[in-house]
Amino acid sequence: MTISEQPAPTIRRAEPADAALVLQFIRQLAEYEKLAHEVQASEADIARDLFGPAPKVFCEIAEWQGRPAGFALWFYTYSTFQGRHGIWLEDLYVDPALRGQGIGKALLVHLAQRCAREQLGRFEWWVLDWNEPSIRFYKSQGGVLQDEWTKVRIDGAALERLASL
């Protein structure tokens, strides 16, 4: 089978019945990233936040030959400099057995098309600095690493202390 004859992945919006699948993909991604110990999300959390009355986070499911193959979980951001919204890709994951089939690229293209359709100014995400396969992949799609920025996080007890001031 030539590349042009190879079946294309299907991308669809996640549905409420996908909450367990989304959580499964989150856990698999966390294992890959050596962060499984940080996963606290439950199926109920996913169902509430993705499929509740006013969702603020969204998810696309990639399917390969009729079976779930990966996901992209994202939300809207805003750039004050551009005066436009953008998309933040929180998680992108493709089943390791199905990598190399164009599934990750299809998810990125799908979200880039949303950006173009909605006239959004940016499409951004993090990648772990040790994840060379992903870094190479993102660069091959036109991604530019933003090394001049340092991520800042406040959570747990520190967040509670700040909130109590």
N, C-alpha and C. Protein backbone atom coordinates (compact mmCIF):
# COMPACT_ATOMS: atom_id res chain seq x y z
N MET A 1 0.84 -1.17 0.00
CA MET A 1 0.00 0.00 0.00
C MET A 1 0.89 1.24 0.00
N THR A 2 0.63 2.15 -0.90
CA THR A 2 1.42 3.38 -0.95
C THR A 2 0.88 4.35 0.09
N ILE A 3 1.66 5.39 0.34
CA ILE A 3 1.26 6.39 1.33
C ILE A 3 -0.09 7.01 0.94
N SER A 4 -0.31 7.28 -0.36
CA SER A 4 -1.57 7.89 -0.76
C SER A 4 -2.74 6.94 -0.59
N GLU A 5 -2.49 5.62 -0.54
CA GLU A 5 -3.56 4.65 -0.33
C GLU A 5 -3.78 4.33 1.14
N GLN A 6 -2.87 4.79 1.99
CA GLN A 6 -2.96 4.52 3.42
C GLN A 6 -4.19 5.22 3.98
N PRO A 7 -4.98 4.53 4.81
CA PRO A 7 -6.16 5.18 5.37
C PRO A 7 -5.76 6.37 6.24
N ALA A 8 -6.61 7.38 6.24
CA ALA A 8 -6.35 8.57 7.05
C ALA A 8 -7.02 8.42 8.41
N PRO A 9 -6.42 8.98 9.43
CA PRO A 9 -7.09 8.97 10.73
C PRO A 9 -8.36 9.83 10.67
N THR A 10 -9.30 9.51 11.51
CA THR A 10 -10.52 10.28 11.66
C THR A 10 -10.41 11.07 12.96
N ILE A 11 -10.77 12.34 12.90
CA ILE A 11 -10.76 13.19 14.09
C ILE A 11 -12.20 13.59 14.38
N ARG A 12 -12.61 13.41 15.62
CA ARG A 12 -13.97 13.79 16.01
C ARG A 12 -13.94 14.45 17.38
N ARG A 13 -14.95 15.25 17.67
CA ARG A 13 -15.09 15.87 18.98
C ARG A 13 -15.43 14.78 19.99
N ALA A 14 -14.80 14.82 21.14
CA ALA A 14 -15.10 13.85 22.20
C ALA A 14 -16.55 14.06 22.66
N GLU A 15 -17.17 12.96 23.07
CA GLU A 15 -18.56 12.96 23.53
C GLU A 15 -18.59 12.50 24.99
N PRO A 16 -19.69 12.75 25.70
CA PRO A 16 -19.76 12.34 27.11
C PRO A 16 -19.40 10.87 27.35
N ALA A 17 -19.75 10.00 26.44
CA ALA A 17 -19.43 8.58 26.60
C ALA A 17 -17.92 8.31 26.51
N ASP A 18 -17.14 9.32 26.11
CA ASP A 18 -15.69 9.17 25.98
C ASP A 18 -14.92 9.54 27.24
N ALA A 19 -15.59 9.91 28.33
CA ALA A 19 -14.89 10.38 29.53
C ALA A 19 -13.87 9.36 30.02
N ALA A 20 -14.24 8.08 30.08
CA ALA A 20 -13.30 7.05 30.54
C ALA A 20 -12.12 6.92 29.57
N LEU A 21 -12.39 7.01 28.28
CA LEU A 21 -11.33 6.92 27.27
C LEU A 21 -10.36 8.09 27.40
N VAL A 22 -10.89 9.28 27.59
CA VAL A 22 -10.03 10.47 27.76
C VAL A 22 -9.14 10.29 28.98
N LEU A 23 -9.71 9.83 30.07
CA LEU A 23 -8.92 9.61 31.28
C LEU A 23 -7.87 8.52 31.05
N GLN A 24 -8.21 7.50 30.32
CA GLN A 24 -7.24 6.44 29.98
C GLN A 24 -6.07 7.03 29.19
N PHE A 25 -6.36 7.87 28.20
CA PHE A 25 -5.29 8.50 27.42
C PHE A 25 -4.44 9.42 28.31
N ILE A 26 -5.08 10.16 29.22
CA ILE A 26 -4.33 11.03 30.14
C ILE A 26 -3.36 10.20 30.96
N ARG A 27 -3.83 9.08 31.48
CA ARG A 27 -2.97 8.22 32.29
C ARG A 27 -1.82 7.63 31.46
N GLN A 28 -2.10 7.24 30.23
CA GLN A 28 -1.04 6.70 29.37
C GLN A 28 0.00 7.77 29.04
N LEU A 29 -0.48 8.99 28.78
CA LEU A 29 0.45 10.10 28.53
C LEU A 29 1.30 10.36 29.77
N ALA A 30 0.68 10.38 30.93
CA ALA A 30 1.42 10.62 32.17
C ALA A 30 2.47 9.55 32.41
N GLU A 31 2.16 8.31 32.10
CA GLU A 31 3.16 7.24 32.23
C GLU A 31 4.33 7.48 31.29
N TYR A 32 4.02 7.83 30.04
CA TYR A 32 5.06 8.11 29.05
C TYR A 32 5.96 9.26 29.53
N GLU A 33 5.36 10.27 30.12
CA GLU A 33 6.10 11.45 30.58
C GLU A 33 6.71 11.26 31.97
N LYS A 34 6.57 10.06 32.52
CA LYS A 34 7.11 9.74 33.85
C LYS A 34 6.46 10.62 34.92
N LEU A 35 5.16 10.90 34.74
CA LEU A 35 4.43 11.76 35.66
C LEU A 35 3.15 11.10 36.17
N ALA A 36 3.07 9.78 36.09
CA ALA A 36 1.84 9.07 36.50
C ALA A 36 1.45 9.41 37.93
N HIS A 37 2.44 9.64 38.78
CA HIS A 37 2.16 9.97 40.18
C HIS A 37 1.42 11.29 40.35
N GLU A 38 1.38 12.13 39.32
CA GLU A 38 0.72 13.43 39.41
C GLU A 38 -0.74 13.40 38.97
N VAL A 39 -1.20 12.30 38.37
CA VAL A 39 -2.57 12.25 37.87
C VAL A 39 -3.55 12.12 39.03
N GLN A 40 -4.38 13.12 39.19
CA GLN A 40 -5.42 13.12 40.22
C GLN A 40 -6.81 13.12 39.60
N ALA A 41 -6.91 13.41 38.32
CA ALA A 41 -8.20 13.52 37.64
C ALA A 41 -8.97 12.22 37.71
N SER A 42 -10.28 12.35 37.83
CA SER A 42 -11.17 11.19 37.82
C SER A 42 -12.04 11.26 36.57
N GLU A 43 -12.72 10.17 36.30
CA GLU A 43 -13.66 10.16 35.18
C GLU A 43 -14.74 11.22 35.39
N ALA A 44 -15.18 11.39 36.64
CA ALA A 44 -16.19 12.40 36.95
C ALA A 44 -15.66 13.81 36.66
N ASP A 45 -14.39 14.07 36.97
CA ASP A 45 -13.79 15.37 36.67
C ASP A 45 -13.81 15.63 35.17
N ILE A 46 -13.41 14.63 34.39
CA ILE A 46 -13.38 14.77 32.93
C ILE A 46 -14.79 15.02 32.41
N ALA A 47 -15.75 14.22 32.87
CA ALA A 47 -17.13 14.38 32.41
C ALA A 47 -17.66 15.78 32.74
N ARG A 48 -17.40 16.25 33.95
CA ARG A 48 -17.87 17.58 34.38
C ARG A 48 -17.25 18.69 33.53
N ASP A 49 -15.94 18.62 33.35
CA ASP A 49 -15.25 19.75 32.73
C ASP A 49 -15.32 19.77 31.21
N LEU A 50 -15.41 18.61 30.58
CA LEU A 50 -15.49 18.57 29.12
C LEU A 50 -16.92 18.57 28.61
N PHE A 51 -17.84 18.06 29.40
CA PHE A 51 -19.19 17.86 28.88
C PHE A 51 -20.28 18.50 29.73
N GLY A 52 -19.90 19.34 30.68
CA GLY A 52 -20.88 20.04 31.50
C GLY A 52 -21.58 21.13 30.71
N PRO A 53 -22.40 21.93 31.39
CA PRO A 53 -23.20 22.94 30.69
C PRO A 53 -22.40 24.08 30.05
N ALA A 54 -21.24 24.40 30.58
CA ALA A 54 -20.43 25.49 30.02
C ALA A 54 -18.96 25.07 30.01
N PRO A 55 -18.58 24.13 29.14
CA PRO A 55 -17.20 23.64 29.16
C PRO A 55 -16.19 24.74 28.82
N LYS A 56 -15.05 24.66 29.48
CA LYS A 56 -13.96 25.60 29.23
C LYS A 56 -12.74 24.88 28.66
N VAL A 57 -12.86 23.57 28.49
CA VAL A 57 -11.81 22.74 27.92
C VAL A 57 -12.47 21.77 26.94
N PHE A 58 -11.74 21.41 25.88
CA PHE A 58 -12.33 20.65 24.79
C PHE A 58 -11.39 19.51 24.41
N CYS A 59 -11.94 18.52 23.73
CA CYS A 59 -11.14 17.35 23.41
C CYS A 59 -11.53 16.80 22.04
N GLU A 60 -10.52 16.43 21.29
CA GLU A 60 -10.70 15.75 20.01
C GLU A 60 -10.16 14.33 20.17
N ILE A 61 -10.87 13.37 19.60
CA ILE A 61 -10.44 11.97 19.61
C ILE A 61 -10.01 11.61 18.20
N ALA A 62 -8.84 11.00 18.10
CA ALA A 62 -8.37 10.47 16.82
C ALA A 62 -8.69 8.99 16.78
N GLU A 63 -9.19 8.55 15.64
CA GLU A 63 -9.47 7.13 15.45
C GLU A 63 -8.68 6.63 14.26
N TRP A 64 -8.19 5.43 14.38
CA TRP A 64 -7.45 4.77 13.32
C TRP A 64 -8.15 3.46 13.01
N GLN A 65 -8.63 3.35 11.80
CA GLN A 65 -9.34 2.15 11.36
C GLN A 65 -10.45 1.76 12.34
N GLY A 66 -11.19 2.79 12.80
CA GLY A 66 -12.35 2.57 13.63
C GLY A 66 -12.11 2.42 15.12
N ARG A 67 -10.86 2.50 15.56
CA ARG A 67 -10.62 2.38 17.00
C ARG A 67 -9.89 3.61 17.52
N PRO A 68 -10.13 3.96 18.81
CA PRO A 68 -9.47 5.13 19.38
C PRO A 68 -7.95 4.99 19.32
N ALA A 69 -7.30 6.06 18.86
CA ALA A 69 -5.86 6.01 18.67
C ALA A 69 -5.11 7.11 19.43
N GLY A 70 -5.82 8.15 19.84
CA GLY A 70 -5.16 9.25 20.53
C GLY A 70 -6.14 10.37 20.79
N PHE A 71 -5.63 11.43 21.39
CA PHE A 71 -6.48 12.57 21.71
C PHE A 71 -5.69 13.86 21.77
N ALA A 72 -6.42 14.96 21.67
CA ALA A 72 -5.88 16.30 21.89
C ALA A 72 -6.85 17.02 22.80
N LEU A 73 -6.35 17.49 23.94
CA LEU A 73 -7.17 18.23 24.89
C LEU A 73 -6.69 19.68 24.86
N TRP A 74 -7.59 20.62 24.70
CA TRP A 74 -7.20 22.01 24.46
C TRP A 74 -8.21 22.99 25.06
N PHE A 75 -7.80 24.26 25.11
CA PHE A 75 -8.68 25.34 25.54
C PHE A 75 -8.23 26.64 24.88
N TYR A 76 -9.11 27.63 24.94
CA TYR A 76 -8.79 28.94 24.36
C TYR A 76 -7.93 29.76 25.32
N THR A 77 -7.02 30.52 24.75
CA THR A 77 -6.20 31.48 25.48
C THR A 77 -6.47 32.87 24.89
N TYR A 78 -5.77 33.85 25.41
CA TYR A 78 -5.88 35.19 24.85
C TYR A 78 -4.52 35.87 24.89
N SER A 79 -4.13 36.48 23.79
CA SER A 79 -2.90 37.25 23.73
C SER A 79 -3.24 38.73 23.75
N THR A 80 -2.80 39.40 24.82
CA THR A 80 -3.03 40.84 24.89
C THR A 80 -2.21 41.56 23.82
N PHE A 81 -1.05 41.02 23.49
CA PHE A 81 -0.21 41.66 22.47
C PHE A 81 -0.87 41.59 21.10
N GLN A 82 -1.45 40.45 20.77
CA GLN A 82 -2.10 40.30 19.47
C GLN A 82 -3.54 40.82 19.48
N GLY A 83 -4.14 40.87 20.65
CA GLY A 83 -5.55 41.24 20.72
C GLY A 83 -6.43 40.15 20.12
N ARG A 84 -6.00 38.89 20.30
CA ARG A 84 -6.72 37.76 19.71
C ARG A 84 -6.64 36.56 20.63
N HIS A 85 -7.64 35.72 20.49
CA HIS A 85 -7.61 34.43 21.18
C HIS A 85 -6.67 33.49 20.44
N GLY A 86 -6.30 32.42 21.12
CA GLY A 86 -5.51 31.35 20.54
C GLY A 86 -5.96 30.04 21.13
N ILE A 87 -5.26 29.00 20.79
CA ILE A 87 -5.53 27.67 21.34
C ILE A 87 -4.29 27.21 22.10
N TRP A 88 -4.52 26.72 23.32
CA TRP A 88 -3.48 26.06 24.09
C TRP A 88 -3.76 24.56 24.05
N LEU A 89 -2.82 23.82 23.53
CA LEU A 89 -2.91 22.36 23.47
C LEU A 89 -2.33 21.82 24.77
N GLU A 90 -3.19 21.39 25.67
CA GLU A 90 -2.75 20.91 26.97
C GLU A 90 -2.11 19.54 26.85
N ASP A 91 -2.75 18.65 26.11
CA ASP A 91 -2.23 17.29 25.95
C ASP A 91 -2.46 16.80 24.53
N LEU A 92 -1.45 16.15 23.99
CA LEU A 92 -1.55 15.43 22.72
C LEU A 92 -0.94 14.08 22.96
N TYR A 93 -1.67 13.02 22.61
CA TYR A 93 -1.17 11.67 22.85
C TYR A 93 -1.66 10.75 21.73
N VAL A 94 -0.75 9.92 21.26
CA VAL A 94 -1.08 8.89 20.29
C VAL A 94 -0.57 7.56 20.83
N ASP A 95 -1.41 6.55 20.76
CA ASP A 95 -1.04 5.19 21.18
C ASP A 95 0.31 4.83 20.55
N PRO A 96 1.30 4.42 21.34
CA PRO A 96 2.63 4.12 20.79
C PRO A 96 2.59 3.09 19.65
N ALA A 97 1.67 2.14 19.70
CA ALA A 97 1.58 1.12 18.65
C ALA A 97 1.10 1.70 17.32
N LEU A 98 0.53 2.91 17.36
CA LEU A 98 -0.03 3.51 16.15
C LEU A 98 0.73 4.74 15.69
N ARG A 99 1.83 5.06 16.35
CA ARG A 99 2.62 6.22 15.93
C ARG A 99 3.23 5.96 14.56
N GLY A 100 3.41 7.04 13.82
CA GLY A 100 3.95 6.92 12.47
C GLY A 100 2.87 6.77 11.41
N GLN A 101 1.61 6.83 11.81
CA GLN A 101 0.49 6.69 10.87
C GLN A 101 -0.11 8.04 10.49
N GLY A 102 0.45 9.13 11.00
CA GLY A 102 -0.08 10.46 10.70
C GLY A 102 -1.16 10.92 11.66
N ILE A 103 -1.33 10.20 12.77
CA ILE A 103 -2.40 10.52 13.71
C ILE A 103 -2.11 11.81 14.47
N GLY A 104 -0.89 11.95 15.00
CA GLY A 104 -0.52 13.18 15.70
C GLY A 104 -0.60 14.38 14.78
N LYS A 105 -0.12 14.21 13.57
CA LYS A 105 -0.18 15.31 12.60
C LYS A 105 -1.63 15.67 12.29
N ALA A 106 -2.50 14.67 12.16
CA ALA A 106 -3.91 14.94 11.88
C ALA A 106 -4.55 15.74 13.01
N LEU A 107 -4.20 15.42 14.25
CA LEU A 107 -4.72 16.19 15.38
C LEU A 107 -4.23 17.63 15.33
N LEU A 108 -2.94 17.84 15.06
CA LEU A 108 -2.40 19.20 14.96
C LEU A 108 -3.05 19.96 13.81
N VAL A 109 -3.19 19.32 12.67
CA VAL A 109 -3.82 19.97 11.51
C VAL A 109 -5.25 20.37 11.84
N HIS A 110 -5.98 19.47 12.48
CA HIS A 110 -7.37 19.74 12.85
C HIS A 110 -7.46 21.01 13.71
N LEU A 111 -6.58 21.13 14.71
CA LEU A 111 -6.62 22.30 15.58
C LEU A 111 -6.09 23.55 14.87
N ALA A 112 -5.09 23.38 14.00
CA ALA A 112 -4.60 24.52 13.23
C ALA A 112 -5.70 25.04 12.30
N GLN A 113 -6.49 24.13 11.74
CA GLN A 113 -7.61 24.55 10.89
C GLN A 113 -8.65 25.32 11.69
N ARG A 114 -8.88 24.89 12.93
CA ARG A 114 -9.80 25.63 13.81
C ARG A 114 -9.24 27.05 14.02
N CYS A 115 -7.95 27.16 14.29
CA CYS A 115 -7.33 28.48 14.47
C CYS A 115 -7.55 29.35 13.24
N ALA A 116 -7.32 28.79 12.07
CA ALA A 116 -7.49 29.55 10.83
C ALA A 116 -8.95 29.94 10.63
N ARG A 117 -9.85 29.00 10.83
CA ARG A 117 -11.29 29.23 10.64
C ARG A 117 -11.80 30.32 11.59
N GLU A 118 -11.31 30.32 12.83
CA GLU A 118 -11.78 31.27 13.84
C GLU A 118 -10.89 32.51 13.92
N GLN A 119 -9.93 32.62 13.04
CA GLN A 119 -8.99 33.74 13.00
C GLN A 119 -8.28 33.94 14.33
N LEU A 120 -7.83 32.83 14.91
CA LEU A 120 -7.08 32.87 16.17
C LEU A 120 -5.63 33.20 15.86
N GLY A 121 -4.96 33.82 16.83
CA GLY A 121 -3.61 34.30 16.58
C GLY A 121 -2.48 33.33 16.90
N ARG A 122 -2.75 32.33 17.76
CA ARG A 122 -1.67 31.44 18.20
C ARG A 122 -2.20 30.03 18.43
N PHE A 123 -1.27 29.10 18.31
CA PHE A 123 -1.49 27.69 18.64
C PHE A 123 -0.24 27.26 19.39
N GLU A 124 -0.38 27.00 20.69
CA GLU A 124 0.80 26.78 21.53
C GLU A 124 0.63 25.56 22.42
N TRP A 125 1.79 25.06 22.92
CA TRP A 125 1.79 23.96 23.86
C TRP A 125 3.19 23.81 24.45
N TRP A 126 3.28 22.99 25.51
CA TRP A 126 4.57 22.64 26.11
C TRP A 126 5.03 21.31 25.55
N VAL A 127 6.34 21.11 25.56
CA VAL A 127 6.93 19.80 25.30
C VAL A 127 8.08 19.65 26.29
N LEU A 128 8.18 18.47 26.90
CA LEU A 128 9.26 18.23 27.85
C LEU A 128 10.61 18.28 27.13
N ASP A 129 11.60 18.89 27.76
CA ASP A 129 12.89 19.10 27.08
C ASP A 129 13.64 17.81 26.77
N TRP A 130 13.29 16.70 27.42
CA TRP A 130 13.96 15.43 27.15
C TRP A 130 13.24 14.62 26.06
N ASN A 131 12.08 15.08 25.63
CA ASN A 131 11.26 14.32 24.70
C ASN A 131 11.67 14.61 23.25
N GLU A 132 12.83 14.13 22.88
CA GLU A 132 13.39 14.40 21.56
C GLU A 132 12.50 13.96 20.40
N PRO A 133 11.85 12.78 20.46
CA PRO A 133 10.98 12.42 19.33
C PRO A 133 9.86 13.45 19.10
N SER A 134 9.25 13.93 20.19
CA SER A 134 8.19 14.92 20.05
C SER A 134 8.74 16.26 19.59
N ILE A 135 9.89 16.66 20.11
CA ILE A 135 10.50 17.92 19.69
C ILE A 135 10.78 17.89 18.19
N ARG A 136 11.35 16.80 17.70
CA ARG A 136 11.62 16.67 16.26
C ARG A 136 10.32 16.74 15.46
N PHE A 137 9.29 16.03 15.95
CA PHE A 137 8.01 16.03 15.26
C PHE A 137 7.42 17.44 15.20
N TYR A 138 7.38 18.13 16.34
CA TYR A 138 6.80 19.47 16.36
C TYR A 138 7.58 20.43 15.47
N LYS A 139 8.89 20.34 15.49
CA LYS A 139 9.70 21.19 14.61
C LYS A 139 9.39 20.89 13.15
N SER A 140 9.19 19.62 12.82
CA SER A 140 8.90 19.26 11.42
C SER A 140 7.55 19.81 10.96
N GLN A 141 6.69 20.15 11.90
CA GLN A 141 5.39 20.72 11.58
C GLN A 141 5.42 22.25 11.60
N GLY A 142 6.58 22.82 11.85
CA GLY A 142 6.72 24.28 11.87
C GLY A 142 6.75 24.87 13.27
N GLY A 143 6.74 24.02 14.29
CA GLY A 143 6.79 24.50 15.67
C GLY A 143 8.13 25.15 15.99
N VAL A 144 8.09 26.21 16.76
CA VAL A 144 9.30 26.93 17.19
C VAL A 144 9.35 26.87 18.71
N LEU A 145 10.44 26.33 19.25
CA LEU A 145 10.60 26.27 20.70
C LEU A 145 10.81 27.67 21.25
N GLN A 146 10.14 27.98 22.34
CA GLN A 146 10.19 29.29 22.97
C GLN A 146 11.05 29.20 24.23
N ASP A 147 12.34 29.04 24.08
CA ASP A 147 13.23 28.82 25.21
C ASP A 147 13.42 30.03 26.12
N GLU A 148 13.02 31.21 25.67
CA GLU A 148 13.26 32.40 26.48
C GLU A 148 12.23 32.57 27.59
N TRP A 149 11.21 31.72 27.64
CA TRP A 149 10.17 31.81 28.67
C TRP A 149 10.39 30.74 29.72
N THR A 150 10.12 31.07 30.96
CA THR A 150 10.20 30.11 32.04
C THR A 150 8.81 29.94 32.63
N LYS A 151 8.39 28.73 32.71
CA LYS A 151 7.06 28.41 33.25
C LYS A 151 7.05 28.69 34.75
N VAL A 152 5.95 29.25 35.23
CA VAL A 152 5.75 29.51 36.65
C VAL A 152 4.48 28.79 37.08
N ARG A 153 4.53 28.12 38.23
CA ARG A 153 3.36 27.41 38.73
C ARG A 153 3.25 27.62 40.23
N ILE A 154 2.02 27.84 40.66
CA ILE A 154 1.69 27.85 42.09
C ILE A 154 0.56 26.85 42.25
N ASP A 155 0.75 25.86 43.13
CA ASP A 155 -0.31 24.90 43.39
C ASP A 155 -0.23 24.40 44.82
N GLY A 156 -1.16 23.53 45.17
CA GLY A 156 -1.15 22.93 46.50
C GLY A 156 -1.20 23.96 47.62
N ALA A 157 -0.37 23.72 48.64
CA ALA A 157 -0.35 24.58 49.82
C ALA A 157 0.04 26.01 49.48
N ALA A 158 0.96 26.19 48.53
CA ALA A 158 1.38 27.54 48.14
C ALA A 158 0.21 28.31 47.52
N LEU A 159 -0.61 27.64 46.74
CA LEU A 159 -1.78 28.28 46.15
C LEU A 159 -2.78 28.66 47.23
N GLU A 160 -2.97 27.78 48.17
CA GLU A 160 -3.89 28.07 49.27
C GLU A 160 -3.40 29.26 50.09
N ARG A 161 -2.09 29.34 50.34
CA ARG A 161 -1.55 30.47 51.11
C ARG A 161 -1.76 31.78 50.34
N LEU A 162 -1.46 31.77 49.05
CA LEU A 162 -1.62 32.99 48.25
C LEU A 162 -3.09 33.40 48.21
N ALA A 163 -3.97 32.47 48.08
CA ALA A 163 -5.40 32.76 48.01
C ALA A 163 -5.94 33.30 49.32
N SER A 164 -5.28 32.98 50.42
CA SER A 164 -5.77 33.42 51.73
C SER A 164 -5.30 34.83 52.10
N LEU A 165 -4.43 35.43 51.31
CA LEU A 165 -3.92 36.78 51.62
C LEU A 165 -4.98 37.85 51.42
